Amino acid sequence: MSDIQIFRRETRAWLEENCPHEMRVPSAGESDICWGGRSFKFASQAQRTWMERMAGRGWTVPDWPREYGGGGLTGAETKVLREEMRALGCRSPLDSFGIWMLGPALLRYGSEAQKREHLPRIARGEIRWCQGYSEPNAGSDLASIATRAEVGDDHFIVNGQKIWTSYADQSDWIFCLVRTDSARKHEGISFVLFDMDTPGVATRPIELISGKSPFCETYFDNVKVPMANLVGELNAGWTIAKYLLTHEREMIGRVMDAEAGITLGKDAARWMGLDAQGKLPDAALRAEIARAEADEAAFRAMKQLFAERARRGEAHPAYSSALKYYGAELNKRRYELAMAAAGSDALQWTGELAGDWLRSKGNSIEGGTSEVQLNVIAKRILDLPGA
């Protein structure tokens, strides 16, 4: 038996013994997800137990180095862990922008002191991060940010505004793009970290038509940020911002429910019932759902291939745009089919499905619009000429 086969057997046994049964069913929505942070309240003791057990092994971030709170697993071992979690129906023990976006950026660009201060707390769910990127006049053209950071002897003074700051009102810290040189566009941006409890920071939720409001406006009024919280070099934040965006786009591109072992066909059967032959009664919809599930499977395989190439340093940096575009469009398609399968029941405004369907529309906007991703793919992957 090979080492990876032994690891798979041991991992399966550990998961079966340690994952609470309550954590082997789909979450009921965002309120049922473990986000971590200073003010986070666990939905149940089972949720707390699952997060603490996984964090104890470093498996909330299995491929991070052990010295920073990770599991120190190889790429092949991480893949096995995720496969076994999916097979057992295990929920993710901890979700956060710290894991998906900031962590990879700090691992690459952060100082040793920054890594040791922030990464273990992210891995243990002790700190929740939000992203200070978009501004009212800097969305797709992110490099046009105007939030200003004046440089002092040992600190910055930050003034400005961010928008669409997901969960800013519930976050502990923010990773933020600020302008430190007005004479240069891309080369005048810096990447800083600061506590959301710092005097001068204010947030205001944005009410959405879906009834959910994960987004906020965030304001900075003479916010004092220690110079030690600068990641990388002064005025070199655009490089870090682009690297982090690749991870954000990969995160948005995930087919979340499919990753957790929930198929669209199973959900459709729950809503529509089955005919005497054990099939969905609507043949046309059944064919569309089968096609979508096949595309989801192909997409997961492509993501695995991209991840393996990225670990070997062979992946084209623009592939993340392809993943983000296709994943976003696939997720929108998934919810369109779900609404069709649920029929009139899906039209209930108080139901979870209608809200999720509306929310899926934002997948093609956040992290760079689908149109922007297509432009990136055309120029950087296909080498097509400009218009």
Protein backbone atom coordinates (compact mmCIF):
# COMPACT_ATOMS: atom_id res chain seq x y z
CA MET A 1 0.00 0.00 0.00
CA SER A 2 1.41 3.41 -1.01
CA ASP A 3 1.88 6.31 1.40
CA ILE A 4 -1.03 8.22 -0.13
CA GLN A 5 -3.30 5.18 0.21
CA ILE A 6 -2.32 4.88 3.87
CA PHE A 7 -3.01 8.60 4.32
CA ARG A 8 -6.43 8.19 2.70
CA ARG A 9 -7.37 5.29 4.97
CA GLU A 10 -6.22 7.11 8.10
CA THR A 11 -7.94 10.33 7.04
CA ARG A 12 -11.23 8.56 6.37
CA ALA A 13 -11.08 6.86 9.78
CA TRP A 14 -10.31 10.14 11.56
CA LEU A 15 -13.14 11.99 9.80
CA GLU A 16 -15.65 9.24 10.55
CA GLU A 17 -14.70 9.36 14.22
CA ASN A 18 -14.41 13.12 14.66
CA CYS A 19 -16.91 14.83 12.35
CA PRO A 20 -20.18 15.26 14.31
CA HIS A 21 -23.22 13.89 12.51
CA GLU A 22 -24.80 17.36 12.59
CA MET A 23 -21.86 18.57 10.46
CA ARG A 24 -22.55 15.95 7.78
CA VAL A 25 -25.66 17.68 6.45
CA PRO A 26 -25.77 20.81 4.28
CA SER A 27 -25.72 24.16 6.04
CA ALA A 28 -29.03 26.00 6.18
CA GLY A 29 -27.50 29.20 4.79
CA GLU A 30 -24.94 31.87 5.65
CA SER A 31 -26.10 32.04 9.26
CA ASP A 32 -25.23 28.35 9.61
CA ILE A 33 -21.64 28.71 8.34
CA CYS A 34 -18.66 28.96 10.67
CA TRP A 35 -17.04 32.33 9.95
CA GLY A 36 -14.93 32.73 13.09
CA GLY A 37 -13.86 36.03 14.60
CA ARG A 38 -14.05 37.87 17.91
CA SER A 39 -17.82 38.31 17.91
CA PHE A 40 -18.82 35.08 16.13
CA LYS A 41 -21.34 32.92 17.95
CA PHE A 42 -21.41 29.23 17.06
CA ALA A 43 -24.74 27.94 15.78
CA SER A 44 -24.31 24.75 17.83
CA GLN A 45 -21.87 22.86 20.00
CA ALA A 46 -21.32 20.47 17.09
CA GLN A 47 -20.18 23.37 14.91
CA ARG A 48 -17.73 24.51 17.58
CA THR A 49 -16.44 20.97 18.14
CA TRP A 50 -15.90 20.37 14.42
CA MET A 51 -14.00 23.64 13.92
CA GLU A 52 -11.82 23.09 16.99
CA ARG A 53 -10.99 19.50 16.03
CA MET A 54 -10.04 20.44 12.48
CA ALA A 55 -8.08 23.50 13.62
CA GLY A 56 -6.23 21.30 16.11
CA ARG A 57 -4.89 19.26 13.19
CA GLY A 58 -4.29 22.32 11.04
CA TRP A 59 -6.93 21.08 8.62
CA THR A 60 -8.88 24.32 8.41
CA VAL A 61 -5.96 25.31 6.14
CA PRO A 62 -4.44 21.89 5.38
CA ASP A 63 -1.83 23.02 2.85
CA TRP A 64 -0.45 25.91 4.95
CA PRO A 65 2.86 25.31 6.77
CA ARG A 66 2.54 23.93 10.29
CA GLU A 67 4.42 26.85 11.80
CA TYR A 68 1.60 29.16 10.70
CA GLY A 69 -1.27 27.00 11.96
CA GLY A 70 -1.69 24.82 8.90
CA GLY A 71 -1.60 21.08 8.39
CA GLY A 72 1.59 21.00 6.34
CA LEU A 73 -0.04 18.61 3.84
CA THR A 74 1.21 18.10 0.32
CA GLY A 75 -0.98 18.92 -2.64
CA ALA A 76 -1.86 15.24 -3.07
CA GLU A 77 -2.74 14.87 0.62
CA THR A 78 -4.89 18.01 0.56
CA LYS A 79 -6.77 16.63 -2.44
CA VAL A 80 -7.37 13.35 -0.59
CA LEU A 81 -8.64 15.17 2.49
CA ARG A 82 -11.14 17.13 0.43
CA GLU A 83 -12.27 14.04 -1.43
CA GLU A 84 -12.87 12.15 1.81
CA MET A 85 -14.72 15.11 3.34
CA ARG A 86 -16.95 15.28 0.27
CA ALA A 87 -17.59 11.53 0.35
CA LEU A 88 -18.66 11.73 3.99
CA GLY A 89 -20.64 14.94 3.48
CA CYS A 90 -18.49 16.91 5.94
CA ARG A 91 -19.09 20.64 6.00
CA SER A 92 -16.20 23.05 5.73
CA PRO A 93 -15.09 23.63 9.35
CA LEU A 94 -14.24 27.29 8.79
CA ASP A 95 -14.84 29.79 5.97
CA SER A 96 -13.25 33.21 5.77
CA PHE A 97 -11.63 35.74 3.50
CA GLY A 98 -8.56 35.25 5.67
CA ILE A 99 -8.33 31.67 4.40
CA TRP A 100 -9.39 32.25 0.81
CA MET A 101 -7.60 35.52 0.02
CA LEU A 102 -5.40 37.19 2.63
CA GLY A 103 -3.66 34.03 3.84
CA PRO A 104 -2.12 33.14 0.46
CA ALA A 105 -1.02 36.77 -0.03
CA LEU A 106 0.65 36.90 3.40
CA LEU A 107 2.37 33.57 2.81
CA ARG A 108 3.94 35.03 -0.32
CA TYR A 109 4.47 38.70 0.53
CA GLY A 110 4.14 39.11 4.29
CA SER A 111 7.01 39.59 6.71
CA GLU A 112 7.80 36.79 9.12
CA ALA A 113 6.33 38.86 11.96
CA GLN A 114 3.09 39.41 9.99
CA LYS A 115 2.78 35.72 9.17
CA ARG A 116 3.23 34.66 12.78
CA GLU A 117 0.86 37.33 14.08
CA HIS A 118 -2.04 36.77 11.69
CA LEU A 119 -1.94 33.34 10.04
CA PRO A 120 -2.34 31.13 13.15
CA ARG A 121 -5.28 33.24 14.30
CA ILE A 122 -6.91 32.87 10.87
CA ALA A 123 -6.38 29.10 10.99
CA ARG A 124 -7.95 28.86 14.47
CA GLY A 125 -10.93 31.03 13.56
CA GLU A 126 -9.97 33.74 16.02
CA ILE A 127 -9.99 36.62 13.55
CA ARG A 128 -12.33 37.56 10.70
CA TRP A 129 -11.15 39.70 7.79
CA CYS A 130 -12.87 41.89 5.23
CA GLN A 131 -11.52 43.28 1.96
CA GLY A 132 -11.03 47.01 1.35
CA TYR A 133 -10.69 47.14 -2.43
CA SER A 134 -13.63 48.66 -4.38
CA GLU A 135 -14.61 52.31 -4.05
CA PRO A 136 -17.58 54.28 -5.43
CA ASN A 137 -15.42 55.42 -8.38
CA ALA A 138 -13.08 52.44 -8.54
CA GLY A 139 -14.79 49.16 -9.35
CA SER A 140 -13.60 47.33 -12.44
CA ASP A 141 -10.83 49.94 -12.76
CA LEU A 142 -9.56 49.13 -9.29
CA ALA A 143 -6.27 50.98 -9.79
CA SER A 144 -8.24 54.25 -9.72
CA ILE A 145 -8.68 54.05 -5.93
CA ALA A 146 -8.61 57.39 -4.13
CA THR A 147 -8.51 56.33 -0.46
CA ARG A 148 -5.42 58.14 0.73
CA ALA A 149 -2.74 57.09 3.23
CA GLU A 150 -0.43 59.88 4.33
CA VAL A 151 2.96 58.56 5.45
CA GLY A 152 4.17 59.61 8.90
CA ASP A 153 7.27 58.66 10.88
CA ASP A 154 5.96 55.31 12.08
CA HIS A 155 2.37 55.27 10.85
CA PHE A 156 -0.10 56.07 8.07
CA ILE A 157 -3.13 58.33 8.34
CA VAL A 158 -5.88 56.86 6.17
CA ASN A 159 -8.85 58.83 4.79
CA GLY A 160 -11.41 57.71 2.24
CA GLN A 161 -14.24 55.31 1.51
CA LYS A 162 -14.68 51.70 0.36
CA ILE A 163 -17.86 50.08 -0.93
CA TRP A 164 -19.22 46.54 -1.32
CA THR A 165 -17.05 45.61 1.68
CA SER A 166 -18.48 42.17 2.43
CA TYR A 167 -19.21 41.63 6.15
CA ALA A 168 -17.30 44.75 7.18
CA ASP A 169 -19.76 45.28 10.03
CA GLN A 170 -18.91 41.82 11.41
CA SER A 171 -15.15 41.75 10.73
CA ASP A 172 -12.24 42.25 13.09
CA TRP A 173 -9.56 43.42 10.63
CA ILE A 174 -9.39 44.68 7.05
CA PHE A 175 -6.81 44.22 4.30
CA CYS A 176 -6.93 47.45 2.36
CA LEU A 177 -5.58 49.10 -0.77
CA VAL A 178 -4.61 52.73 -0.21
CA ARG A 179 -3.04 55.38 -2.38
CA THR A 180 0.37 56.49 -1.15
CA ASP A 181 1.52 58.27 -4.33
CA SER A 182 -0.96 60.39 -6.32
CA ALA A 183 1.47 60.98 -9.18
CA ARG A 184 1.42 57.34 -10.27
CA LYS A 185 -1.58 55.08 -10.82
CA HIS A 186 -0.64 51.42 -10.39
CA GLU A 187 2.75 52.20 -8.83
CA GLY A 188 1.25 54.50 -6.19
CA ILE A 189 -0.79 51.90 -4.30
CA SER A 190 0.13 50.21 -1.01
CA PHE A 191 -1.37 47.22 0.81
CA VAL A 192 -2.03 47.69 4.53
CA LEU A 193 -3.74 45.82 7.37
CA PHE A 194 -5.59 47.35 10.30
CA ASP A 195 -8.03 46.63 13.09
CA MET A 196 -11.65 47.59 12.40
CA ASP A 197 -11.90 48.86 16.00
CA THR A 198 -9.34 51.56 15.21
CA PRO A 199 -10.80 55.05 15.89
CA GLY A 200 -12.11 56.61 12.68
CA VAL A 201 -13.39 53.40 11.05
CA ALA A 202 -17.15 53.26 10.42
CA THR A 203 -19.38 50.85 8.47
CA ARG A 204 -22.91 51.03 7.08
CA PRO A 205 -24.70 47.96 5.64
CA ILE A 206 -26.15 48.23 2.13
CA GLU A 207 -29.71 46.92 1.91
CA LEU A 208 -30.23 44.56 -1.05
CA ILE A 209 -33.39 43.51 -2.89
CA SER A 210 -32.78 39.91 -1.81
CA GLY A 211 -33.33 40.90 1.81
CA LYS A 212 -29.77 39.93 2.69
CA SER A 213 -27.07 42.50 3.24
CA PRO A 214 -23.54 41.09 3.30
CA PHE A 215 -22.19 44.30 1.73
CA CYS A 216 -21.24 47.51 3.48
CA GLU A 217 -19.97 51.01 2.88
CA THR A 218 -16.81 51.56 4.92
CA TYR A 219 -15.45 54.98 5.89
CA PHE A 220 -12.00 56.01 7.13
CA ASP A 221 -11.59 59.32 8.95
CA ASN A 222 -7.98 59.98 10.02
CA VAL A 223 -7.40 56.31 10.82
CA LYS A 224 -3.95 55.76 12.30
CA VAL A 225 -2.28 52.59 10.98
CA PRO A 226 1.15 51.44 12.23
CA MET A 227 3.81 51.32 9.51
CA ALA A 228 4.49 47.72 10.62
CA ASN A 229 1.12 46.83 9.04
CA LEU A 230 2.36 47.60 5.53
CA VAL A 231 2.60 44.37 3.55
CA GLY A 232 5.49 44.34 1.12
CA GLU A 233 7.11 47.58 0.01
CA LEU A 234 5.63 51.06 -0.04
CA ASN A 235 3.87 51.74 -3.38
CA ALA A 236 4.17 48.06 -4.37
CA GLY A 237 0.66 47.05 -3.33
CA TRP A 238 -0.70 46.55 -6.84
CA THR A 239 1.37 43.39 -7.28
CA ILE A 240 -0.06 41.99 -4.05
CA ALA A 241 -3.56 43.11 -5.02
CA LYS A 242 -3.39 41.22 -8.33
CA TYR A 243 -2.09 38.09 -6.62
CA LEU A 244 -4.89 38.22 -4.06
CA LEU A 245 -7.48 38.75 -6.80
CA THR A 246 -6.48 35.46 -8.40
CA HIS A 247 -7.42 33.69 -5.16
CA GLU A 248 -10.65 35.69 -4.85
CA ARG A 249 -11.63 34.73 -8.38
CA GLU A 250 -10.91 31.09 -7.71
CA MET A 251 -13.02 31.30 -4.54
CA ILE A 252 -15.96 32.92 -6.36
CA GLY A 253 -15.61 30.38 -9.15
CA ARG A 254 -16.29 27.45 -6.86
CA VAL A 255 -19.55 25.55 -7.20
CA MET A 256 -20.23 25.62 -3.48
CA ASP A 257 -23.09 23.17 -3.14
CA ALA A 258 -21.59 20.68 -5.59
CA GLU A 259 -18.33 20.73 -3.65
CA ALA A 260 -20.23 19.73 -0.52
CA GLY A 261 -21.68 16.68 -2.25
CA ILE A 262 -25.13 18.18 -2.93
CA THR A 263 -26.24 17.55 -6.49
CA LEU A 264 -28.77 19.62 -8.35
CA GLY A 265 -30.57 16.42 -9.31
CA LYS A 266 -31.10 15.44 -5.68
CA ASP A 267 -32.45 18.87 -4.86
CA ALA A 268 -34.74 18.78 -7.87
CA ALA A 269 -36.07 15.37 -6.79
CA ARG A 270 -36.86 16.81 -3.36
CA TRP A 271 -38.84 19.67 -4.93
CA MET A 272 -40.51 17.85 -7.83
CA GLY A 273 -40.70 14.25 -6.69
CA LEU A 274 -39.98 11.28 -8.98
CA ASP A 275 -42.12 9.41 -11.47
CA ALA A 276 -42.87 5.68 -11.44
CA GLN A 277 -39.49 4.98 -13.04
CA GLY A 278 -37.59 6.93 -10.39
CA LYS A 279 -36.89 9.87 -12.73
CA LEU A 280 -37.68 13.55 -12.63
CA PRO A 281 -41.08 13.90 -14.34
CA ASP A 282 -40.08 16.76 -16.66
CA ALA A 283 -37.90 15.23 -19.40
CA ALA A 284 -36.63 18.55 -20.77
CA LEU A 285 -35.66 19.85 -17.33
CA ARG A 286 -34.13 16.48 -16.49
CA ALA A 287 -31.85 16.77 -19.53
CA GLU A 288 -30.80 20.33 -18.61
CA ILE A 289 -30.00 19.28 -15.05
CA ALA A 290 -27.96 16.29 -16.29
CA ARG A 291 -26.03 18.60 -18.62
CA ALA A 292 -25.37 21.05 -15.78
CA GLU A 293 -24.14 18.28 -13.46
CA ALA A 294 -21.78 17.03 -16.18
CA ASP A 295 -20.44 20.55 -16.63
CA GLU A 296 -19.97 20.90 -12.87
CA ALA A 297 -17.97 17.66 -12.80
CA ALA A 298 -15.80 18.86 -15.69
CA PHE A 299 -15.31 22.18 -13.92
CA ARG A 300 -14.14 20.48 -10.71
CA ALA A 301 -11.67 18.41 -12.72
CA MET A 302 -10.36 21.55 -14.40
CA LYS A 303 -9.92 23.25 -11.02
CA GLN A 304 -7.91 20.30 -9.76
CA LEU A 305 -5.70 20.44 -12.85
CA PHE A 306 -5.19 24.17 -12.38
CA ALA A 307 -4.33 23.70 -8.69
CA GLU A 308 -1.76 21.02 -9.50
CA ARG A 309 -0.17 23.20 -12.18
CA ALA A 310 -0.14 26.16 -9.81
CA ARG A 311 1.70 24.13 -7.16
CA ARG A 312 4.33 23.24 -9.78
CA GLY A 313 4.59 26.87 -10.87
CA GLU A 314 3.30 26.00 -14.34
CA ALA A 315 -0.13 27.66 -14.31
CA HIS A 316 -0.85 30.69 -16.45
CA PRO A 317 -1.69 33.55 -14.03
CA ALA A 318 -4.77 34.45 -16.06
CA TYR A 319 -6.33 30.99 -15.66
CA SER A 320 -8.00 32.27 -12.49
CA SER A 321 -10.08 34.57 -14.71
CA ALA A 322 -11.27 31.57 -16.71
CA LEU A 323 -12.20 29.72 -13.52
CA LYS A 324 -13.96 32.74 -12.10
CA TYR A 325 -15.93 33.38 -15.29
CA TYR A 326 -17.05 29.82 -15.86
CA GLY A 327 -17.75 29.12 -12.19
CA ALA A 328 -19.85 32.27 -11.83
CA GLU A 329 -21.88 31.59 -14.95
CA LEU A 330 -22.30 27.93 -13.98
CA ASN A 331 -23.58 28.88 -10.53
CA LYS A 332 -26.11 31.29 -12.04
CA ARG A 333 -27.28 28.55 -14.37
CA ARG A 334 -27.55 26.15 -11.44
CA TYR A 335 -29.93 28.44 -9.58
CA GLU A 336 -32.01 29.12 -12.69
CA LEU A 337 -32.56 25.36 -12.98
CA ALA A 338 -33.25 25.09 -9.25
CA MET A 339 -35.93 27.77 -9.53
CA ALA A 340 -37.48 25.94 -12.48
CA ALA A 341 -37.50 22.65 -10.56
CA ALA A 342 -39.06 24.18 -7.44
CA GLY A 343 -41.80 25.87 -9.46
CA SER A 344 -44.22 28.15 -7.65
CA ASP A 345 -42.72 27.14 -4.28
CA ALA A 346 -39.54 28.97 -5.28
CA LEU A 347 -41.42 32.24 -5.64
CA GLN A 348 -41.98 32.58 -1.90
CA TRP A 349 -40.05 35.69 -0.90
CA THR A 350 -39.37 34.27 2.54
CA GLY A 351 -37.85 31.08 1.13
CA GLU A 352 -34.11 30.47 1.03
CA LEU A 353 -34.04 29.52 -2.66
CA ALA A 354 -35.38 32.81 -4.02
CA GLY A 355 -32.78 34.75 -2.06
CA ASP A 356 -29.97 32.46 -3.21
CA TRP A 357 -31.13 32.78 -6.81
CA LEU A 358 -31.01 36.57 -6.58
CA ARG A 359 -27.64 36.42 -4.83
CA SER A 360 -26.14 34.24 -7.59
CA LYS A 361 -26.53 37.17 -10.00
CA GLY A 362 -23.78 38.96 -8.11
CA ASN A 363 -21.30 36.18 -8.93
CA SER A 364 -20.76 37.71 -12.37
CA ILE A 365 -20.04 41.15 -10.87
CA GLU A 366 -17.95 40.61 -7.71
CA GLY A 367 -14.24 39.97 -8.06
CA GLY A 368 -14.30 41.49 -11.55
CA THR A 369 -17.27 41.33 -13.92
CA SER A 370 -17.70 38.50 -16.39
CA GLU A 371 -17.02 41.02 -19.17
CA VAL A 372 -13.69 41.95 -17.58
CA GLN A 373 -12.76 38.27 -17.21
CA LEU A 374 -13.55 37.64 -20.88
CA ASN A 375 -11.28 40.52 -21.83
CA VAL A 376 -8.47 39.08 -19.70
CA ILE A 377 -8.95 35.62 -21.25
CA ALA A 378 -8.96 37.09 -24.77
CA LYS A 379 -5.83 39.15 -24.28
CA ARG A 380 -3.67 37.06 -21.96
CA ILE A 381 -4.62 33.46 -22.75
CA LEU A 382 -5.87 33.53 -26.35
CA ASP A 383 -3.55 36.37 -27.48
CA LEU A 384 -6.35 37.98 -29.46
CA PRO A 385 -5.76 41.48 -30.84
CA GLY A 386 -7.42 44.44 -29.21
CA ALA A 387 -10.45 46.13 -30.72
